[in-house]
C-alpha atoms as a PDB file:
ATOM      1  CA  MET A   1       4.689 195.853 282.530  1.00  0.00           C
ATOM      2  CA  GLY A   2       3.103 193.461 285.030  1.00  0.00           C
ATOM      3  CA  ARG A   3       1.404 190.179 284.322  1.00  0.00           C
ATOM      4  CA  ARG A   4      -2.122 190.576 282.961  1.00  0.00           C
ATOM      5  CA  ARG A   5      -4.925 188.545 284.451  1.00  0.00           C
ATOM      6  CA  PRO A   6      -8.157 187.608 282.665  1.00  0.00           C
ATOM      7  CA  ARG A   7     -11.364 189.125 283.959  1.00  0.00           C
ATOM      8  CA  ARG A   8     -12.768 185.665 284.493  1.00  0.00           C
ATOM      9  CA  PRO A   9     -10.785 182.463 284.928  1.00  0.00           C
ATOM     10  CA  PRO A  10     -10.561 180.384 281.725  1.00  0.00           C
ATOM     11  CA  GLN A  11     -12.557 177.186 281.666  1.00  0.00           C
ATOM     12  CA  ARG A  12     -10.482 174.057 281.847  1.00  0.00           C
ATOM     13  CA  ARG A  13     -10.692 172.409 278.420  1.00  0.00           C
ATOM     14  CA  HIS A  14      -8.553 169.346 279.112  1.00  0.00           C
ATOM     15  CA  HIS A  15      -7.803 166.699 281.693  1.00  0.00           C
ATOM     16  CA  ARG A  16      -4.938 164.255 282.115  1.00  0.00           C
ATOM     17  CA  LYS A  17      -4.395 160.814 283.493  1.00  0.00           C
ATOM     18  CA  PRO A  18      -1.262 158.678 283.054  1.00  0.00           C
ATOM     19  CA  GLY A  19      -0.691 158.103 279.345  1.00  0.00           C
ATOM     20  CA  HIS A  20      -3.798 160.061 278.288  1.00  0.00           C
ATOM     21  CA  LEU A  21      -4.766 163.627 277.512  1.00  0.00           C
ATOM     22  CA  THR A  22      -8.377 164.551 276.724  1.00  0.00           C
ATOM     23  CA  LEU A  23      -9.329 167.864 275.086  1.00  0.00           C
ATOM     24  CA  HIS A  24     -12.898 169.153 275.293  1.00  0.00           C
ATOM     25  CA  ALA A  25     -14.276 171.132 272.369  1.00  0.00           C
ATOM     26  CA  ARG A  26     -15.414 174.720 272.558  1.00  0.00           C
ATOM     27  CA  PRO A  27     -18.445 176.140 270.753  1.00  0.00           C
ATOM     28  CA  ALA A  28     -17.812 176.801 267.041  1.00  0.00           C
ATOM     29  CA  THR A  29     -17.851 180.560 267.742  1.00  0.00           C
ATOM     30  CA  GLU A  30     -14.662 180.268 269.865  1.00  0.00           C
ATOM     31  CA  PRO A  31     -11.090 179.394 268.817  1.00  0.00           C
ATOM     32  CA  PRO A  32     -10.278 175.660 268.849  1.00  0.00           C
ATOM     33  CA  VAL A  33      -8.647 173.988 271.830  1.00  0.00           C
ATOM     34  CA  PHE A  34      -4.923 173.457 271.307  1.00  0.00           C
ATOM     35  CA  ILE A  35      -2.199 171.947 273.451  1.00  0.00           C
ATOM     36  CA  GLY A  36       1.310 171.649 272.044  1.00  0.00           C
ATOM     37  CA  ARG A  37       4.200 169.467 273.047  1.00  0.00           C
ATOM     38  CA  ARG A  38       7.721 169.676 271.715  1.00  0.00           C
ATOM     39  CA  GLN A  39       8.984 166.426 270.198  1.00  0.00           C
ATOM     40  CA  GLN A  40      12.216 165.579 271.994  1.00  0.00           C
ATOM     41  CA  HIS A  41      13.543 162.729 269.800  1.00  0.00           C
ATOM     42  CA  PRO A  42      13.909 162.264 266.011  1.00  0.00           C
ATOM     43  CA  SER A  43      11.599 159.234 266.089  1.00  0.00           C
ATOM     44  CA  CYS A  44       8.367 158.740 268.013  1.00  0.00           C
ATOM     45  CA  THR A  45       5.043 156.890 267.997  1.00  0.00           C
ATOM     46  CA  ILE A  46       1.810 158.801 268.493  1.00  0.00           C
ATOM     47  CA  ARG A  47      -1.668 157.362 269.002  1.00  0.00           C
ATOM     48  CA  ALA A  48      -4.833 159.408 269.133  1.00  0.00           C
ATOM     49  CA  ALA A  49      -8.524 158.664 269.491  1.00  0.00           C
ATOM     50  CA  VAL A  50     -10.732 161.471 268.222  1.00  0.00           C
ATOM     51  CA  ASP A  51     -14.440 161.598 269.019  1.00  0.00           C
ATOM     52  CA  ALA A  52     -15.889 164.126 266.584  1.00  0.00           C
ATOM     53  CA  SER A  53     -19.500 163.034 267.072  1.00  0.00           C
ATOM     54  CA  ARG A  54     -20.451 166.504 268.352  1.00  0.00           C
ATOM     55  CA  GLY A  55     -18.445 168.568 265.866  1.00  0.00           C
ATOM     56  CA  SER A  56     -14.908 168.260 264.534  1.00  0.00           C
ATOM     57  CA  GLY A  57     -11.493 167.341 265.837  1.00  0.00           C
ATOM     58  CA  GLY A  58      -8.060 166.349 264.713  1.00  0.00           C
ATOM     59  CA  LEU A  59      -4.361 165.976 265.242  1.00  0.00           C
ATOM     60  CA  ALA A  60      -1.518 168.029 263.766  1.00  0.00           C
ATOM     61  CA  LEU A  61       2.230 167.510 263.743  1.00  0.00           C
ATOM     62  CA  ARG A  62       3.713 170.911 263.038  1.00  0.00           C
ATOM     63  CA  MET A  63       7.247 172.166 262.615  1.00  0.00           C
ATOM     64  CA  ASP A  64       6.320 175.643 261.316  1.00  0.00           C
ATOM     65  CA  ASP A  65       3.776 177.249 258.935  1.00  0.00           C
ATOM     66  CA  ARG A  66       5.413 175.579 255.927  1.00  0.00           C
ATOM     67  CA  HIS A  67       5.897 172.062 257.356  1.00  0.00           C
ATOM     68  CA  LEU A  68       3.019 170.112 258.872  1.00  0.00           C
ATOM     69  CA  TYR A  69       0.896 166.973 258.727  1.00  0.00           C
ATOM     70  CA  ALA A  70      -2.725 167.279 259.838  1.00  0.00           C
ATOM     71  CA  LEU A  71      -5.760 165.007 260.090  1.00  0.00           C
ATOM     72  CA  VAL A  72      -9.168 166.619 260.623  1.00  0.00           C
ATOM     73  CA  ILE A  73     -12.409 164.769 261.248  1.00  0.00           C
ATOM     74  CA  GLU A  74     -15.534 166.703 260.332  1.00  0.00           C
ATOM     75  CA  ASP A  75     -19.008 165.638 259.155  1.00  0.00           C
ATOM     76  CA  GLN A  76     -17.976 161.960 259.486  1.00  0.00           C
ATOM     77  CA  GLN A  77     -15.133 162.419 256.950  1.00  0.00           C
ATOM     78  CA  VAL A  78     -11.377 162.441 257.486  1.00  0.00           C
ATOM     79  CA  HIS A  79      -9.330 165.082 255.654  1.00  0.00           C
ATOM     80  CA  ALA A  80      -5.538 165.007 255.491  1.00  0.00           C
ATOM     81  CA  GLU A  81      -3.301 167.989 254.840  1.00  0.00           C
ATOM     82  CA  VAL A  82       0.438 167.805 254.204  1.00  0.00           C
ATOM     83  CA  ARG A  83       2.746 170.781 253.762  1.00  0.00           C
ATOM     84  CA  ILE A  84       6.418 170.267 252.992  1.00  0.00           C
ATOM     85  CA  GLY A  85       7.949 173.604 252.068  1.00  0.00           C
ATOM     86  CA  PRO A  86       6.193 174.945 248.973  1.00  0.00           C
ATOM     87  CA  SER A  87       4.412 171.596 248.269  1.00  0.00           C
ATOM     88  CA  ARG A  88       0.898 170.934 249.579  1.00  0.00           C
ATOM     89  CA  SER A  89      -1.649 168.165 249.256  1.00  0.00           C
END
């Protein structure tokens, strides 16, 4: 089976400059914007600035469906979710 091409080119929802990555939100009726990067070392430092003034946004560190840390900003409130195996908070 050959490579499938979209009927229309996808809109670019991010831009990069050295040391920065900016994601642009989609309308609430579309799936959220997501870019993943594999962590290469056991220890790392991550900084993020989230502007959720026009909706919601967040940051997730995910190993799999059962192991993740997530921060979501919505309606001027920050919500945290932690999953470690069967435990959740």
